[in-house]
Amino acid sequence: MAGPGFRSFSTIHLTSTVWVVLLLATLLFLSLQWSLLQMGPVLVPLLLVALAMTVATIRNHREGQDPPRDGCAGSSR
């Protein structure tokens, strides 16, 4: 059973997606020439979530709780 917090839904794919969204949002705001004061309230919370999900994903992976990608744990191709 999954525990509370980010560990319950953190997967490698979801964590990677959050980092890509953070990067794209940063590039968008820079292209719009936003100042750091304008970008901060948007990017800082997203950065904190990305960091928390990264830590949770690493912990899940170390404990072997990350499910296999194709759903077939014992099959070999």
N, C-alpha and C. Protein backbone atom coordinates (compact mmCIF):
# COMPACT_ATOMS: atom_id res chain seq x y z
N MET A 1 0.85 -1.18 0.00
CA MET A 1 0.00 0.00 0.00
C MET A 1 0.89 1.24 0.00
N ALA A 2 0.51 2.22 -0.77
CA ALA A 2 1.30 3.44 -0.88
C ALA A 2 1.08 4.33 0.33
N GLY A 3 2.14 5.01 0.71
CA GLY A 3 2.07 5.90 1.85
C GLY A 3 1.54 7.26 1.45
N PRO A 4 1.41 8.14 2.43
CA PRO A 4 0.90 9.48 2.15
C PRO A 4 1.94 10.33 1.43
N GLY A 5 1.50 11.40 0.85
CA GLY A 5 2.42 12.34 0.22
C GLY A 5 2.73 12.00 -1.22
N PHE A 6 3.85 12.53 -1.68
CA PHE A 6 4.23 12.37 -3.07
C PHE A 6 4.61 10.94 -3.42
N ARG A 7 4.99 10.15 -2.44
CA ARG A 7 5.42 8.77 -2.72
C ARG A 7 4.29 7.93 -3.27
N SER A 8 3.05 8.31 -3.00
CA SER A 8 1.92 7.48 -3.43
C SER A 8 1.68 7.56 -4.94
N PHE A 9 2.12 8.63 -5.59
CA PHE A 9 1.86 8.74 -7.03
C PHE A 9 3.09 9.15 -7.84
N SER A 10 4.25 9.16 -7.24
CA SER A 10 5.46 9.57 -7.96
C SER A 10 6.01 8.41 -8.79
N THR A 11 6.03 8.60 -10.08
CA THR A 11 6.66 7.66 -10.99
C THR A 11 7.72 8.40 -11.79
N ILE A 12 8.56 7.66 -12.44
CA ILE A 12 9.63 8.29 -13.22
C ILE A 12 9.04 9.14 -14.35
N HIS A 13 8.00 8.64 -14.99
CA HIS A 13 7.41 9.37 -16.12
C HIS A 13 6.74 10.66 -15.65
N LEU A 14 5.99 10.59 -14.57
CA LEU A 14 5.30 11.78 -14.06
C LEU A 14 6.30 12.82 -13.57
N THR A 15 7.34 12.37 -12.88
CA THR A 15 8.37 13.29 -12.40
C THR A 15 9.09 13.95 -13.56
N SER A 16 9.41 13.18 -14.58
CA SER A 16 10.07 13.76 -15.77
C SER A 16 9.17 14.78 -16.44
N THR A 17 7.88 14.49 -16.49
CA THR A 17 6.93 15.42 -17.10
C THR A 17 6.88 16.73 -16.33
N VAL A 18 6.89 16.66 -15.02
CA VAL A 18 6.86 17.88 -14.20
C VAL A 18 8.11 18.72 -14.45
N TRP A 19 9.28 18.08 -14.57
CA TRP A 19 10.51 18.82 -14.86
C TRP A 19 10.45 19.46 -16.25
N VAL A 20 9.89 18.76 -17.22
CA VAL A 20 9.77 19.33 -18.58
C VAL A 20 8.82 20.52 -18.56
N VAL A 21 7.71 20.41 -17.84
CA VAL A 21 6.76 21.52 -17.72
C VAL A 21 7.44 22.72 -17.06
N LEU A 22 8.23 22.47 -16.04
CA LEU A 22 8.96 23.56 -15.37
C LEU A 22 9.92 24.24 -16.34
N LEU A 23 10.64 23.46 -17.11
CA LEU A 23 11.57 24.02 -18.09
C LEU A 23 10.84 24.83 -19.15
N LEU A 24 9.75 24.28 -19.68
CA LEU A 24 8.99 24.99 -20.72
C LEU A 24 8.36 26.27 -20.18
N ALA A 25 7.86 26.23 -18.95
CA ALA A 25 7.29 27.43 -18.34
C ALA A 25 8.36 28.50 -18.15
N THR A 26 9.54 28.08 -17.73
CA THR A 26 10.64 29.03 -17.56
C THR A 26 11.01 29.67 -18.90
N LEU A 27 11.11 28.85 -19.93
CA LEU A 27 11.43 29.38 -21.26
C LEU A 27 10.34 30.32 -21.77
N LEU A 28 9.09 29.98 -21.52
CA LEU A 28 7.99 30.85 -21.94
C LEU A 28 8.07 32.20 -21.24
N PHE A 29 8.27 32.18 -19.93
CA PHE A 29 8.32 33.43 -19.19
C PHE A 29 9.53 34.27 -19.57
N LEU A 30 10.65 33.62 -19.85
CA LEU A 30 11.82 34.36 -20.31
C LEU A 30 11.58 34.97 -21.69
N SER A 31 10.89 34.25 -22.56
CA SER A 31 10.61 34.79 -23.89
C SER A 31 9.62 35.95 -23.82
N LEU A 32 8.77 35.95 -22.80
CA LEU A 32 7.84 37.07 -22.60
C LEU A 32 8.48 38.21 -21.83
N GLN A 33 9.74 38.06 -21.48
CA GLN A 33 10.53 39.05 -20.76
C GLN A 33 9.94 39.39 -19.40
N TRP A 34 9.49 38.36 -18.70
CA TRP A 34 8.99 38.56 -17.34
C TRP A 34 10.18 38.76 -16.41
N SER A 35 9.97 39.54 -15.36
CA SER A 35 11.02 39.73 -14.35
C SER A 35 10.98 38.56 -13.37
N LEU A 36 12.01 38.47 -12.54
CA LEU A 36 12.06 37.40 -11.54
C LEU A 36 10.90 37.51 -10.55
N LEU A 37 10.47 38.72 -10.26
CA LEU A 37 9.34 38.90 -9.34
C LEU A 37 8.03 38.39 -9.94
N GLN A 38 7.92 38.44 -11.25
CA GLN A 38 6.73 37.92 -11.91
C GLN A 38 6.79 36.41 -12.05
N MET A 39 7.97 35.86 -12.31
CA MET A 39 8.12 34.42 -12.50
C MET A 39 8.10 33.66 -11.18
N GLY A 40 8.61 34.27 -10.13
CA GLY A 40 8.76 33.60 -8.85
C GLY A 40 7.52 32.93 -8.30
N PRO A 41 6.39 33.65 -8.21
CA PRO A 41 5.18 33.02 -7.65
C PRO A 41 4.67 31.83 -8.47
N VAL A 42 5.03 31.76 -9.72
CA VAL A 42 4.59 30.64 -10.56
C VAL A 42 5.60 29.50 -10.52
N LEU A 43 6.87 29.83 -10.64
CA LEU A 43 7.89 28.80 -10.79
C LEU A 43 8.37 28.19 -9.48
N VAL A 44 8.41 28.97 -8.40
CA VAL A 44 8.91 28.43 -7.13
C VAL A 44 8.04 27.28 -6.62
N PRO A 45 6.71 27.41 -6.57
CA PRO A 45 5.91 26.25 -6.13
C PRO A 45 6.07 25.04 -7.05
N LEU A 46 6.15 25.27 -8.35
CA LEU A 46 6.35 24.16 -9.28
C LEU A 46 7.71 23.51 -9.07
N LEU A 47 8.72 24.31 -8.78
CA LEU A 47 10.05 23.78 -8.49
C LEU A 47 10.04 22.94 -7.22
N LEU A 48 9.35 23.40 -6.18
CA LEU A 48 9.27 22.64 -4.93
C LEU A 48 8.55 21.31 -5.13
N VAL A 49 7.49 21.31 -5.92
CA VAL A 49 6.78 20.06 -6.22
C VAL A 49 7.68 19.12 -7.01
N ALA A 50 8.41 19.65 -7.98
CA ALA A 50 9.30 18.82 -8.79
C ALA A 50 10.40 18.20 -7.93
N LEU A 51 10.95 18.98 -7.01
CA LEU A 51 11.99 18.44 -6.12
C LEU A 51 11.42 17.37 -5.20
N ALA A 52 10.24 17.62 -4.64
CA ALA A 52 9.62 16.63 -3.74
C ALA A 52 9.30 15.34 -4.49
N MET A 53 8.81 15.47 -5.72
CA MET A 53 8.50 14.28 -6.51
C MET A 53 9.77 13.53 -6.90
N THR A 54 10.85 14.26 -7.16
CA THR A 54 12.12 13.61 -7.50
C THR A 54 12.63 12.79 -6.32
N VAL A 55 12.60 13.38 -5.14
CA VAL A 55 13.04 12.66 -3.94
C VAL A 55 12.17 11.44 -3.70
N ALA A 56 10.85 11.59 -3.85
CA ALA A 56 9.94 10.46 -3.64
C ALA A 56 10.17 9.37 -4.68
N THR A 57 10.42 9.74 -5.92
CA THR A 57 10.67 8.76 -6.96
C THR A 57 11.96 8.00 -6.70
N ILE A 58 12.99 8.71 -6.26
CA ILE A 58 14.26 8.04 -5.94
C ILE A 58 14.07 7.07 -4.80
N ARG A 59 13.34 7.48 -3.78
CA ARG A 59 13.09 6.58 -2.64
C ARG A 59 12.29 5.36 -3.06
N ASN A 60 11.26 5.57 -3.89
CA ASN A 60 10.47 4.44 -4.38
C ASN A 60 11.33 3.48 -5.19
N HIS A 61 12.18 4.04 -6.02
CA HIS A 61 13.04 3.20 -6.87
C HIS A 61 14.03 2.40 -6.03
N ARG A 62 14.59 3.02 -5.01
CA ARG A 62 15.54 2.32 -4.14
C ARG A 62 14.87 1.19 -3.38
N GLU A 63 13.62 1.38 -3.00
CA GLU A 63 12.90 0.35 -2.24
C GLU A 63 12.21 -0.66 -3.15
N GLY A 64 12.30 -0.46 -4.45
CA GLY A 64 11.70 -1.40 -5.39
C GLY A 64 10.20 -1.27 -5.50
N GLN A 65 9.65 -0.10 -5.19
CA GLN A 65 8.21 0.10 -5.25
C GLN A 65 7.74 0.66 -6.58
N ASP A 66 8.67 1.02 -7.44
CA ASP A 66 8.28 1.57 -8.74
C ASP A 66 7.82 0.43 -9.63
N PRO A 67 6.57 0.45 -10.09
CA PRO A 67 6.08 -0.66 -10.91
C PRO A 67 6.79 -0.72 -12.25
N PRO A 68 6.89 -1.92 -12.84
CA PRO A 68 7.51 -2.03 -14.16
C PRO A 68 6.71 -1.28 -15.21
N ARG A 69 7.37 -0.83 -16.25
CA ARG A 69 6.73 0.02 -17.26
C ARG A 69 5.65 -0.72 -18.05
N ASP A 70 5.91 -1.98 -18.40
CA ASP A 70 4.95 -2.68 -19.24
C ASP A 70 3.97 -3.52 -18.42
N GLY A 71 4.11 -3.55 -17.12
CA GLY A 71 3.19 -4.29 -16.27
C GLY A 71 3.50 -5.77 -16.16
N CYS A 72 4.53 -6.25 -16.84
CA CYS A 72 4.90 -7.66 -16.81
C CYS A 72 6.23 -7.80 -16.09
N ALA A 73 6.18 -8.10 -14.80
CA ALA A 73 7.39 -8.10 -13.98
C ALA A 73 8.36 -9.21 -14.38
N GLY A 74 7.86 -10.40 -14.66
CA GLY A 74 8.76 -11.52 -14.89
C GLY A 74 9.01 -11.88 -16.33
N SER A 75 8.41 -11.18 -17.25
CA SER A 75 8.56 -11.57 -18.65
C SER A 75 9.85 -11.04 -19.24
N SER A 76 10.42 -11.82 -20.13
CA SER A 76 11.61 -11.36 -20.86
C SER A 76 11.30 -11.39 -22.34
N ARG A 77 11.87 -10.42 -23.05
CA ARG A 77 11.56 -10.33 -24.48
C ARG A 77 12.76 -10.64 -25.30
